[in-house]
Amino acid sequence: MRTAEVDRKTKETAIRVEVNLDGTGKSAISTGVGFFDHMLDQVARHGLIDLSIKAEGDLHIDQHHTVEDTGIALGQAVRKALGDLKGITRYAEAFLPMDETLTRVALDISGRPFLVFRTTFHTAKIGAFDTQLVREFFQAFAMNAGITLHVETLYGENDHHIAESCFKGLARALRAGVAIDPRRAGEIPSTKGSLSG
């Protein structure tokens, strides 16, 4: 089982993440940010990743540190759980329709982190959640997971649908990318023989 635990503590947040990449989609998530919890639950359920996240942050200031630091810790946990990267599929993509919205997510578990985020929101908030924090989460996650990640919403009107299609798209692409390819026979999926960056 490819599992990992990460504890991250700063003056702004205290976060514990547990990940099982070979799970069934079970989740226990509590960040103090309701909409964000809902999005992370989508990552677990649609990625078939068992995910436990407990975050305590300076929400009396705003949600930024909690969301960003959760992305950092989750990225670190996924990278740790991937181990030596032998046998993984590596490249994956997903088109995620949600009502009027369509988002494309493509990733490369390359060891070379990069984010392209082409998604626009129409409002500043989804409920109490700052829509700018969607990109902040994806940036923190990609950088710390060592993933090249492209997220593009091709069209959409409802900001809830737009955000959710991004997270669900990540889940589906991640599920495919971390999957073990039986034809790789434990090999590193790179002509260089390394995915260390």
N, C-alpha and C. Protein backbone atom coordinates (compact mmCIF):
# COMPACT_ATOMS: atom_id res chain seq x y z
N MET A 1 0.85 -1.20 0.00
CA MET A 1 0.00 0.00 0.00
C MET A 1 0.88 1.24 0.00
N ARG A 2 0.55 2.19 -0.88
CA ARG A 2 1.32 3.42 -0.98
C ARG A 2 0.66 4.47 -0.10
N THR A 3 1.19 4.61 1.09
CA THR A 3 0.61 5.49 2.10
C THR A 3 1.65 6.48 2.59
N ALA A 4 1.17 7.57 3.17
CA ALA A 4 2.07 8.56 3.75
C ALA A 4 1.32 9.40 4.77
N GLU A 5 2.07 9.94 5.71
CA GLU A 5 1.55 10.88 6.69
C GLU A 5 2.47 12.10 6.71
N VAL A 6 1.86 13.27 6.80
CA VAL A 6 2.62 14.52 6.89
C VAL A 6 2.02 15.39 7.98
N ASP A 7 2.88 15.87 8.86
CA ASP A 7 2.48 16.86 9.86
C ASP A 7 3.21 18.16 9.53
N ARG A 8 2.45 19.22 9.39
CA ARG A 8 3.05 20.52 9.07
C ARG A 8 2.54 21.56 10.05
N LYS A 9 3.47 22.18 10.77
CA LYS A 9 3.09 23.19 11.75
C LYS A 9 3.88 24.46 11.52
N THR A 10 3.16 25.58 11.47
CA THR A 10 3.77 26.89 11.39
C THR A 10 3.07 27.78 12.41
N LYS A 11 3.43 29.05 12.45
CA LYS A 11 2.75 29.99 13.33
C LYS A 11 1.33 30.27 12.86
N GLU A 12 1.04 29.89 11.61
CA GLU A 12 -0.27 30.18 11.03
C GLU A 12 -1.21 28.98 10.97
N THR A 13 -0.63 27.78 10.83
CA THR A 13 -1.47 26.58 10.67
C THR A 13 -0.83 25.36 11.33
N ALA A 14 -1.67 24.40 11.65
CA ALA A 14 -1.22 23.07 12.09
C ALA A 14 -2.04 22.07 11.28
N ILE A 15 -1.37 21.27 10.47
CA ILE A 15 -2.07 20.39 9.52
C ILE A 15 -1.50 18.99 9.59
N ARG A 16 -2.40 18.02 9.62
CA ARG A 16 -2.01 16.61 9.53
C ARG A 16 -2.75 16.00 8.34
N VAL A 17 -1.99 15.34 7.47
CA VAL A 17 -2.56 14.70 6.28
C VAL A 17 -2.14 13.24 6.26
N GLU A 18 -3.09 12.36 6.01
CA GLU A 18 -2.81 10.94 5.79
C GLU A 18 -3.39 10.56 4.43
N VAL A 19 -2.59 9.88 3.63
CA VAL A 19 -2.97 9.54 2.26
C VAL A 19 -2.73 8.06 2.00
N ASN A 20 -3.68 7.43 1.32
CA ASN A 20 -3.50 6.08 0.79
C ASN A 20 -3.89 6.12 -0.69
N LEU A 21 -2.88 6.06 -1.55
CA LEU A 21 -3.13 6.18 -2.99
C LEU A 21 -3.87 4.97 -3.55
N ASP A 22 -3.86 3.87 -2.83
CA ASP A 22 -4.52 2.65 -3.29
C ASP A 22 -5.79 2.39 -2.50
N GLY A 23 -6.47 3.45 -2.15
CA GLY A 23 -7.65 3.35 -1.31
C GLY A 23 -8.93 3.16 -2.08
N THR A 24 -10.03 3.49 -1.43
CA THR A 24 -11.36 3.33 -2.02
C THR A 24 -12.14 4.65 -2.06
N GLY A 25 -11.47 5.73 -1.66
CA GLY A 25 -12.13 7.03 -1.68
C GLY A 25 -12.70 7.47 -0.35
N LYS A 26 -12.30 6.82 0.74
CA LYS A 26 -12.77 7.23 2.06
C LYS A 26 -12.13 8.56 2.44
N SER A 27 -12.90 9.40 3.13
CA SER A 27 -12.35 10.69 3.53
C SER A 27 -12.83 11.09 4.91
N ALA A 28 -11.94 11.77 5.63
CA ALA A 28 -12.27 12.41 6.90
C ALA A 28 -11.54 13.75 6.87
N ILE A 29 -12.28 14.80 6.55
CA ILE A 29 -11.66 16.09 6.26
C ILE A 29 -12.28 17.18 7.12
N SER A 30 -11.41 17.94 7.78
CA SER A 30 -11.86 19.06 8.60
C SER A 30 -10.81 20.16 8.55
N THR A 31 -11.11 21.22 7.80
CA THR A 31 -10.20 22.35 7.70
C THR A 31 -10.76 23.62 8.32
N GLY A 32 -12.04 23.58 8.69
CA GLY A 32 -12.68 24.79 9.17
C GLY A 32 -13.23 25.66 8.05
N VAL A 33 -13.01 25.22 6.80
CA VAL A 33 -13.51 25.94 5.62
C VAL A 33 -14.44 24.99 4.88
N GLY A 34 -15.74 25.19 5.05
CA GLY A 34 -16.73 24.23 4.59
C GLY A 34 -16.65 23.89 3.11
N PHE A 35 -16.58 24.90 2.26
CA PHE A 35 -16.54 24.65 0.82
C PHE A 35 -15.26 23.90 0.43
N PHE A 36 -14.15 24.25 1.06
CA PHE A 36 -12.88 23.59 0.80
C PHE A 36 -12.93 22.13 1.22
N ASP A 37 -13.55 21.85 2.36
CA ASP A 37 -13.75 20.45 2.79
C ASP A 37 -14.51 19.67 1.72
N HIS A 38 -15.53 20.28 1.17
CA HIS A 38 -16.34 19.66 0.12
C HIS A 38 -15.49 19.35 -1.11
N MET A 39 -14.61 20.28 -1.48
CA MET A 39 -13.74 20.07 -2.64
C MET A 39 -12.73 18.95 -2.39
N LEU A 40 -12.14 18.92 -1.21
CA LEU A 40 -11.16 17.88 -0.88
C LEU A 40 -11.83 16.50 -0.81
N ASP A 41 -13.08 16.48 -0.37
CA ASP A 41 -13.82 15.22 -0.36
C ASP A 41 -14.00 14.70 -1.79
N GLN A 42 -14.16 15.60 -2.75
CA GLN A 42 -14.27 15.19 -4.16
C GLN A 42 -12.97 14.56 -4.64
N VAL A 43 -11.84 15.12 -4.21
CA VAL A 43 -10.54 14.56 -4.59
C VAL A 43 -10.42 13.12 -4.09
N ALA A 44 -10.82 12.89 -2.85
CA ALA A 44 -10.76 11.54 -2.29
C ALA A 44 -11.69 10.59 -3.03
N ARG A 45 -12.95 10.97 -3.15
CA ARG A 45 -13.97 10.07 -3.70
C ARG A 45 -13.75 9.75 -5.17
N HIS A 46 -13.43 10.77 -5.96
CA HIS A 46 -13.28 10.55 -7.40
C HIS A 46 -11.87 10.12 -7.77
N GLY A 47 -10.92 10.31 -6.86
CA GLY A 47 -9.57 9.84 -7.10
C GLY A 47 -9.30 8.47 -6.52
N LEU A 48 -10.30 7.92 -5.80
CA LEU A 48 -10.13 6.66 -5.07
C LEU A 48 -8.88 6.70 -4.19
N ILE A 49 -8.72 7.83 -3.53
CA ILE A 49 -7.62 8.04 -2.59
C ILE A 49 -8.23 8.17 -1.20
N ASP A 50 -7.79 7.34 -0.27
CA ASP A 50 -8.22 7.52 1.12
C ASP A 50 -7.49 8.74 1.66
N LEU A 51 -8.25 9.65 2.23
CA LEU A 51 -7.69 10.94 2.59
C LEU A 51 -8.21 11.39 3.95
N SER A 52 -7.27 11.64 4.85
CA SER A 52 -7.61 12.21 6.15
C SER A 52 -6.85 13.52 6.30
N ILE A 53 -7.59 14.60 6.52
CA ILE A 53 -6.97 15.92 6.68
C ILE A 53 -7.59 16.62 7.88
N LYS A 54 -6.73 17.04 8.79
CA LYS A 54 -7.15 17.85 9.94
C LYS A 54 -6.31 19.11 9.91
N ALA A 55 -6.95 20.24 9.72
CA ALA A 55 -6.24 21.52 9.64
C ALA A 55 -6.83 22.51 10.61
N GLU A 56 -5.95 23.18 11.32
CA GLU A 56 -6.33 24.29 12.19
C GLU A 56 -5.51 25.49 11.76
N GLY A 57 -6.20 26.58 11.40
CA GLY A 57 -5.48 27.73 10.90
C GLY A 57 -6.02 29.03 11.44
N ASP A 58 -5.38 30.12 11.04
CA ASP A 58 -5.74 31.45 11.52
C ASP A 58 -6.94 32.00 10.73
N LEU A 59 -8.05 31.32 10.85
CA LEU A 59 -9.25 31.70 10.10
C LEU A 59 -9.82 33.04 10.58
N HIS A 60 -9.39 33.51 11.73
CA HIS A 60 -9.83 34.84 12.19
C HIS A 60 -9.23 35.93 11.30
N ILE A 61 -8.15 35.58 10.57
CA ILE A 61 -7.56 36.53 9.60
C ILE A 61 -8.25 36.35 8.26
N ASP A 62 -8.08 35.17 7.66
CA ASP A 62 -8.83 34.77 6.47
C ASP A 62 -8.52 33.30 6.20
N GLN A 63 -8.94 32.80 5.05
CA GLN A 63 -8.81 31.37 4.75
C GLN A 63 -7.53 31.04 3.99
N HIS A 64 -6.77 32.06 3.61
CA HIS A 64 -5.65 31.87 2.70
C HIS A 64 -4.62 30.88 3.23
N HIS A 65 -4.12 31.10 4.43
CA HIS A 65 -3.06 30.24 4.97
C HIS A 65 -3.53 28.80 5.11
N THR A 66 -4.76 28.61 5.54
CA THR A 66 -5.28 27.26 5.73
C THR A 66 -5.36 26.52 4.40
N VAL A 67 -5.88 27.17 3.38
CA VAL A 67 -6.02 26.52 2.07
C VAL A 67 -4.66 26.25 1.45
N GLU A 68 -3.80 27.26 1.44
CA GLU A 68 -2.48 27.10 0.83
C GLU A 68 -1.65 26.03 1.55
N ASP A 69 -1.64 26.09 2.87
CA ASP A 69 -0.83 25.14 3.63
C ASP A 69 -1.37 23.72 3.55
N THR A 70 -2.68 23.59 3.39
CA THR A 70 -3.25 22.26 3.16
C THR A 70 -2.78 21.72 1.81
N GLY A 71 -2.72 22.59 0.80
CA GLY A 71 -2.19 22.19 -0.50
C GLY A 71 -0.74 21.74 -0.40
N ILE A 72 0.05 22.46 0.38
CA ILE A 72 1.45 22.09 0.58
C ILE A 72 1.55 20.71 1.22
N ALA A 73 0.83 20.52 2.32
CA ALA A 73 0.91 19.25 3.06
C ALA A 73 0.37 18.09 2.25
N LEU A 74 -0.73 18.30 1.53
CA LEU A 74 -1.29 17.24 0.70
C LEU A 74 -0.32 16.89 -0.43
N GLY A 75 0.27 17.89 -1.05
CA GLY A 75 1.26 17.63 -2.09
C GLY A 75 2.43 16.83 -1.57
N GLN A 76 2.93 17.19 -0.39
CA GLN A 76 4.05 16.46 0.21
C GLN A 76 3.67 15.02 0.51
N ALA A 77 2.44 14.82 0.98
CA ALA A 77 1.99 13.47 1.31
C ALA A 77 1.87 12.61 0.05
N VAL A 78 1.32 13.17 -1.01
CA VAL A 78 1.19 12.42 -2.27
C VAL A 78 2.57 12.06 -2.80
N ARG A 79 3.49 13.02 -2.78
CA ARG A 79 4.85 12.74 -3.27
C ARG A 79 5.51 11.65 -2.44
N LYS A 80 5.34 11.70 -1.13
CA LYS A 80 5.93 10.69 -0.24
C LYS A 80 5.31 9.32 -0.50
N ALA A 81 3.99 9.29 -0.69
CA ALA A 81 3.29 8.02 -0.92
C ALA A 81 3.69 7.38 -2.25
N LEU A 82 4.07 8.20 -3.21
CA LEU A 82 4.48 7.68 -4.52
C LEU A 82 5.81 6.94 -4.46
N GLY A 83 6.58 7.16 -3.42
CA GLY A 83 7.83 6.42 -3.24
C GLY A 83 8.80 6.61 -4.38
N ASP A 84 9.29 5.49 -4.93
CA ASP A 84 10.31 5.56 -5.98
C ASP A 84 9.72 5.77 -7.38
N LEU A 85 8.41 5.88 -7.48
CA LEU A 85 7.70 6.17 -8.73
C LEU A 85 7.76 5.03 -9.74
N LYS A 86 8.27 3.90 -9.36
CA LYS A 86 8.37 2.79 -10.29
C LYS A 86 6.98 2.27 -10.68
N GLY A 87 6.80 2.08 -11.98
CA GLY A 87 5.59 1.45 -12.48
C GLY A 87 4.38 2.34 -12.63
N ILE A 88 4.48 3.62 -12.26
CA ILE A 88 3.29 4.47 -12.35
C ILE A 88 2.99 4.80 -13.82
N THR A 89 1.75 5.12 -14.09
CA THR A 89 1.33 5.52 -15.43
C THR A 89 1.97 6.85 -15.81
N ARG A 90 2.11 7.74 -14.88
CA ARG A 90 2.78 9.04 -14.98
C ARG A 90 1.92 10.11 -15.65
N TYR A 91 1.62 9.99 -16.93
CA TYR A 91 0.84 10.99 -17.64
C TYR A 91 -0.65 10.65 -17.56
N ALA A 92 -1.48 11.68 -17.37
CA ALA A 92 -2.92 11.42 -17.34
C ALA A 92 -3.66 12.72 -17.61
N GLU A 93 -4.90 12.57 -18.03
CA GLU A 93 -5.74 13.73 -18.28
C GLU A 93 -7.19 13.37 -18.01
N ALA A 94 -7.99 14.41 -17.80
CA ALA A 94 -9.42 14.20 -17.59
C ALA A 94 -10.16 15.43 -18.11
N PHE A 95 -11.27 15.18 -18.79
CA PHE A 95 -12.23 16.22 -19.10
C PHE A 95 -13.38 16.03 -18.13
N LEU A 96 -13.70 17.09 -17.38
CA LEU A 96 -14.72 16.96 -16.35
C LEU A 96 -15.89 17.90 -16.64
N PRO A 97 -17.01 17.34 -17.11
CA PRO A 97 -18.20 18.17 -17.31
C PRO A 97 -19.00 18.26 -16.01
N MET A 98 -19.50 19.43 -15.73
CA MET A 98 -20.41 19.61 -14.61
C MET A 98 -21.47 20.61 -15.03
N ASP A 99 -22.62 20.09 -15.40
CA ASP A 99 -23.69 20.91 -15.96
C ASP A 99 -23.16 21.74 -17.13
N GLU A 100 -23.19 23.07 -17.02
CA GLU A 100 -22.78 23.93 -18.15
C GLU A 100 -21.28 24.11 -18.25
N THR A 101 -20.53 23.54 -17.32
CA THR A 101 -19.09 23.77 -17.22
C THR A 101 -18.30 22.57 -17.74
N LEU A 102 -17.17 22.86 -18.39
CA LEU A 102 -16.25 21.80 -18.81
C LEU A 102 -14.83 22.24 -18.49
N THR A 103 -14.13 21.41 -17.73
CA THR A 103 -12.74 21.68 -17.36
C THR A 103 -11.85 20.53 -17.80
N ARG A 104 -10.69 20.90 -18.30
CA ARG A 104 -9.69 19.92 -18.71
C ARG A 104 -8.51 19.98 -17.73
N VAL A 105 -8.11 18.82 -17.21
CA VAL A 105 -6.96 18.72 -16.32
C VAL A 105 -6.00 17.69 -16.91
N ALA A 106 -4.75 18.09 -17.06
CA ALA A 106 -3.71 17.18 -17.55
C ALA A 106 -2.53 17.27 -16.60
N LEU A 107 -1.88 16.13 -16.35
CA LEU A 107 -0.75 16.15 -15.43
C LEU A 107 0.34 15.19 -15.85
N ASP A 108 1.52 15.50 -15.35
CA ASP A 108 2.71 14.67 -15.54
C ASP A 108 3.39 14.57 -14.19
N ILE A 109 3.44 13.36 -13.66
CA ILE A 109 4.13 13.14 -12.38
C ILE A 109 5.61 13.03 -12.71
N SER A 110 6.22 14.20 -12.85
CA SER A 110 7.52 14.32 -13.49
C SER A 110 8.67 14.62 -12.54
N GLY A 111 8.36 15.06 -11.34
CA GLY A 111 9.40 15.58 -10.46
C GLY A 111 9.77 17.01 -10.81
N ARG A 112 9.13 17.58 -11.84
CA ARG A 112 9.38 18.96 -12.25
C ARG A 112 8.07 19.74 -12.08
N PRO A 113 7.89 20.33 -10.92
CA PRO A 113 6.60 20.98 -10.64
C PRO A 113 6.38 22.24 -11.48
N PHE A 114 5.16 22.35 -11.97
CA PHE A 114 4.77 23.52 -12.75
C PHE A 114 3.26 23.57 -12.77
N LEU A 115 2.70 24.76 -12.76
CA LEU A 115 1.25 24.92 -12.85
C LEU A 115 0.89 25.88 -13.96
N VAL A 116 -0.02 25.45 -14.82
CA VAL A 116 -0.72 26.35 -15.74
C VAL A 116 -2.18 26.31 -15.31
N PHE A 117 -2.72 27.46 -14.94
CA PHE A 117 -4.09 27.52 -14.41
C PHE A 117 -4.87 28.55 -15.21
N ARG A 118 -5.72 28.07 -16.10
CA ARG A 118 -6.50 28.95 -16.96
C ARG A 118 -7.98 28.77 -16.63
N THR A 119 -8.34 29.31 -15.51
CA THR A 119 -9.72 29.23 -15.04
C THR A 119 -10.09 30.59 -14.49
N THR A 120 -11.22 31.09 -14.91
CA THR A 120 -11.69 32.41 -14.48
C THR A 120 -13.00 32.27 -13.72
N PHE A 121 -13.08 32.95 -12.60
CA PHE A 121 -14.31 32.98 -11.82
C PHE A 121 -15.03 34.31 -12.05
N HIS A 122 -16.33 34.28 -11.92
CA HIS A 122 -17.15 35.46 -12.19
C HIS A 122 -17.40 36.29 -10.95
N THR A 123 -17.22 35.68 -9.79
CA THR A 123 -17.46 36.37 -8.52
C THR A 123 -16.26 36.17 -7.60
N ALA A 124 -16.19 36.98 -6.56
CA ALA A 124 -15.08 36.89 -5.61
C ALA A 124 -15.27 35.77 -4.60
N LYS A 125 -16.50 35.35 -4.39
CA LYS A 125 -16.79 34.37 -3.34
C LYS A 125 -17.75 33.30 -3.82
N ILE A 126 -17.57 32.09 -3.29
CA ILE A 126 -18.56 31.03 -3.37
C ILE A 126 -18.99 30.82 -1.93
N GLY A 127 -20.14 31.35 -1.56
CA GLY A 127 -20.48 31.40 -0.15
C GLY A 127 -19.48 32.29 0.55
N ALA A 128 -18.77 31.74 1.55
CA ALA A 128 -17.73 32.50 2.26
C ALA A 128 -16.34 32.21 1.72
N PHE A 129 -16.25 31.36 0.68
CA PHE A 129 -14.96 30.92 0.16
C PHE A 129 -14.45 31.86 -0.92
N ASP A 130 -13.22 32.31 -0.78
CA ASP A 130 -12.58 33.20 -1.74
C ASP A 130 -12.17 32.41 -2.98
N THR A 131 -12.72 32.75 -4.13
CA THR A 131 -12.43 31.99 -5.34
C THR A 131 -10.96 32.06 -5.76
N GLN A 132 -10.23 33.10 -5.36
CA GLN A 132 -8.80 33.17 -5.65
C GLN A 132 -8.02 32.01 -5.03
N LEU A 133 -8.58 31.43 -3.98
CA LEU A 133 -7.87 30.37 -3.26
C LEU A 133 -7.87 29.05 -4.02
N VAL A 134 -8.71 28.90 -5.03
CA VAL A 134 -8.66 27.68 -5.85
C VAL A 134 -7.29 27.57 -6.50
N ARG A 135 -6.85 28.66 -7.15
CA ARG A 135 -5.54 28.63 -7.77
C ARG A 135 -4.43 28.45 -6.74
N GLU A 136 -4.56 29.10 -5.60
CA GLU A 136 -3.54 28.98 -4.55
C GLU A 136 -3.38 27.53 -4.10
N PHE A 137 -4.49 26.82 -3.98
CA PHE A 137 -4.41 25.41 -3.61
C PHE A 137 -3.69 24.60 -4.68
N PHE A 138 -4.08 24.79 -5.94
CA PHE A 138 -3.47 24.02 -7.03
C PHE A 138 -1.98 24.31 -7.16
N GLN A 139 -1.60 25.58 -6.97
CA GLN A 139 -0.19 25.95 -7.01
C GLN A 139 0.59 25.24 -5.91
N ALA A 140 0.09 25.30 -4.69
CA ALA A 140 0.78 24.68 -3.56
C ALA A 140 0.86 23.17 -3.73
N PHE A 141 -0.22 22.57 -4.19
CA PHE A 141 -0.25 21.12 -4.38
C PHE A 141 0.75 20.69 -5.45
N ALA A 142 0.72 21.33 -6.61
CA ALA A 142 1.60 20.94 -7.71
C ALA A 142 3.07 21.08 -7.33
N MET A 143 3.42 22.20 -6.70
CA MET A 143 4.82 22.45 -6.35
C MET A 143 5.35 21.40 -5.37
N ASN A 144 4.51 20.98 -4.45
CA ASN A 144 4.97 20.07 -3.40
C ASN A 144 4.80 18.60 -3.76
N ALA A 145 3.92 18.31 -4.71
CA ALA A 145 3.78 16.94 -5.18
C ALA A 145 4.79 16.62 -6.28
N GLY A 146 5.43 17.65 -6.84
CA GLY A 146 6.37 17.44 -7.94
C GLY A 146 5.67 17.10 -9.24
N ILE A 147 4.53 17.75 -9.46
CA ILE A 147 3.70 17.44 -10.61
C ILE A 147 3.61 18.64 -11.55
N THR A 148 3.75 18.39 -12.84
CA THR A 148 3.39 19.39 -13.84
C THR A 148 1.88 19.28 -14.03
N LEU A 149 1.18 20.38 -13.80
CA LEU A 149 -0.28 20.34 -13.75
C LEU A 149 -0.87 21.47 -14.59
N HIS A 150 -1.75 21.09 -15.51
CA HIS A 150 -2.45 22.06 -16.35
C HIS A 150 -3.94 21.95 -16.06
N VAL A 151 -4.54 23.08 -15.71
CA VAL A 151 -5.97 23.13 -15.41
C VAL A 151 -6.57 24.24 -16.26
N GLU A 152 -7.56 23.90 -17.08
CA GLU A 152 -8.18 24.91 -17.93
C GLU A 152 -9.68 24.67 -18.01
N THR A 153 -10.43 25.67 -17.60
CA THR A 153 -11.87 25.60 -17.75
C THR A 153 -12.22 26.13 -19.13
N LEU A 154 -12.74 25.27 -19.97
CA LEU A 154 -13.03 25.63 -21.35
C LEU A 154 -14.24 26.55 -21.45
N TYR A 155 -15.23 26.30 -20.59
CA TYR A 155 -16.37 27.20 -20.49
C TYR A 155 -17.15 26.86 -19.23
N GLY A 156 -17.92 27.82 -18.77
CA GLY A 156 -18.71 27.64 -17.57
C GLY A 156 -19.25 28.96 -17.07
N GLU A 157 -20.35 28.92 -16.34
CA GLU A 157 -20.99 30.12 -15.82
C GLU A 157 -21.09 30.13 -14.30
N ASN A 158 -21.41 28.99 -13.72
CA ASN A 158 -21.63 28.91 -12.28
C ASN A 158 -20.30 28.65 -11.57
N ASP A 159 -19.92 29.54 -10.67
CA ASP A 159 -18.60 29.42 -10.03
C ASP A 159 -18.45 28.16 -9.18
N HIS A 160 -19.52 27.73 -8.55
CA HIS A 160 -19.47 26.46 -7.81
C HIS A 160 -19.13 25.32 -8.76
N HIS A 161 -19.79 25.28 -9.89
CA HIS A 161 -19.52 24.23 -10.88
C HIS A 161 -18.09 24.33 -11.41
N ILE A 162 -17.63 25.55 -11.64
CA ILE A 162 -16.28 25.74 -12.16
C ILE A 162 -15.24 25.20 -11.17
N ALA A 163 -15.36 25.61 -9.92
CA ALA A 163 -14.41 25.14 -8.91
C ALA A 163 -14.49 23.63 -8.75
N GLU A 164 -15.68 23.10 -8.66
CA GLU A 164 -15.83 21.67 -8.44
C GLU A 164 -15.31 20.86 -9.62
N SER A 165 -15.49 21.37 -10.83
CA SER A 165 -14.97 20.64 -11.99
C SER A 165 -13.44 20.61 -11.98
N CYS A 166 -12.82 21.66 -11.45
CA CYS A 166 -11.35 21.67 -11.32
C CYS A 166 -10.88 20.60 -10.34
N PHE A 167 -11.51 20.53 -9.19
CA PHE A 167 -11.11 19.55 -8.17
C PHE A 167 -11.42 18.12 -8.60
N LYS A 168 -12.59 17.92 -9.19
CA LYS A 168 -12.94 16.58 -9.68
C LYS A 168 -12.04 16.16 -10.84
N GLY A 169 -11.70 17.12 -11.70
CA GLY A 169 -10.77 16.83 -12.78
C GLY A 169 -9.41 16.43 -12.25
N LEU A 170 -8.93 17.14 -11.22
CA LEU A 170 -7.68 16.75 -10.58
C LEU A 170 -7.78 15.33 -10.04
N ALA A 171 -8.88 15.03 -9.40
CA ALA A 171 -9.07 13.69 -8.82
C ALA A 171 -8.97 12.61 -9.88
N ARG A 172 -9.67 12.79 -10.97
CA ARG A 172 -9.69 11.76 -12.02
C ARG A 172 -8.33 11.63 -12.71
N ALA A 173 -7.68 12.75 -12.95
CA ALA A 173 -6.36 12.69 -13.59
C ALA A 173 -5.33 12.08 -12.63
N LEU A 174 -5.39 12.46 -11.37
CA LEU A 174 -4.46 11.91 -10.38
C LEU A 174 -4.66 10.41 -10.21
N ARG A 175 -5.92 10.01 -10.18
CA ARG A 175 -6.22 8.57 -10.08
C ARG A 175 -5.56 7.78 -11.20
N ALA A 176 -5.63 8.31 -12.41
CA ALA A 176 -5.02 7.62 -13.56
C ALA A 176 -3.50 7.72 -13.54
N GLY A 177 -2.98 8.86 -13.17
CA GLY A 177 -1.54 9.08 -13.21
C GLY A 177 -0.76 8.26 -12.19
N VAL A 178 -1.34 8.09 -10.99
CA VAL A 178 -0.64 7.33 -9.94
C VAL A 178 -0.85 5.82 -10.08
N ALA A 179 -1.78 5.42 -10.95
CA ALA A 179 -2.08 4.00 -11.12
C ALA A 179 -0.84 3.24 -11.59
N ILE A 180 -0.71 2.02 -11.13
CA ILE A 180 0.39 1.16 -11.54
C ILE A 180 0.06 0.56 -12.90
N ASP A 181 0.96 0.74 -13.85
CA ASP A 181 0.82 0.18 -15.18
C ASP A 181 1.48 -1.20 -15.19
N PRO A 182 0.70 -2.28 -15.32
CA PRO A 182 1.29 -3.62 -15.25
C PRO A 182 2.33 -3.89 -16.34
N ARG A 183 2.30 -3.10 -17.41
CA ARG A 183 3.27 -3.31 -18.50
C ARG A 183 4.63 -2.67 -18.19
N ARG A 184 4.67 -1.83 -17.16
CA ARG A 184 5.93 -1.17 -16.82
C ARG A 184 6.84 -2.05 -15.97
N ALA A 185 6.30 -3.08 -15.34
CA ALA A 185 7.10 -4.07 -14.59
C ALA A 185 8.08 -3.42 -13.62
N GLY A 186 7.60 -2.43 -12.88
CA GLY A 186 8.44 -1.83 -11.86
C GLY A 186 9.51 -0.88 -12.37
N GLU A 187 9.38 -0.43 -13.61
CA GLU A 187 10.37 0.48 -14.18
C GLU A 187 9.97 1.93 -13.94
N ILE A 188 10.98 2.81 -13.91
CA ILE A 188 10.72 4.24 -13.86
C ILE A 188 10.22 4.66 -15.25
N PRO A 189 9.07 5.31 -15.35
CA PRO A 189 8.52 5.66 -16.67
C PRO A 189 9.18 6.91 -17.26
N SER A 190 10.47 6.79 -17.56
CA SER A 190 11.22 7.89 -18.13
C SER A 190 12.40 7.35 -18.92
N THR A 191 12.68 7.94 -20.07
CA THR A 191 13.84 7.54 -20.85
C THR A 191 15.13 7.90 -20.13
N LYS A 192 15.06 8.83 -19.18
CA LYS A 192 16.24 9.21 -18.40
C LYS A 192 16.53 8.20 -17.29
N GLY A 193 15.50 7.43 -16.95
CA GLY A 193 15.65 6.49 -15.83
C GLY A 193 15.47 7.15 -14.48
N SER A 194 14.98 8.39 -14.50
CA SER A 194 14.80 9.13 -13.25
C SER A 194 13.65 10.12 -13.38
N LEU A 195 12.89 10.29 -12.31
CA LEU A 195 11.84 11.32 -12.25
C LEU A 195 12.09 12.20 -11.04
N SER A 196 13.33 12.50 -10.78
CA SER A 196 13.68 13.28 -9.60
C SER A 196 13.79 14.76 -9.88
N GLY A 197 13.42 15.17 -11.09
CA GLY A 197 13.43 16.59 -11.40
C GLY A 197 14.57 16.99 -12.30
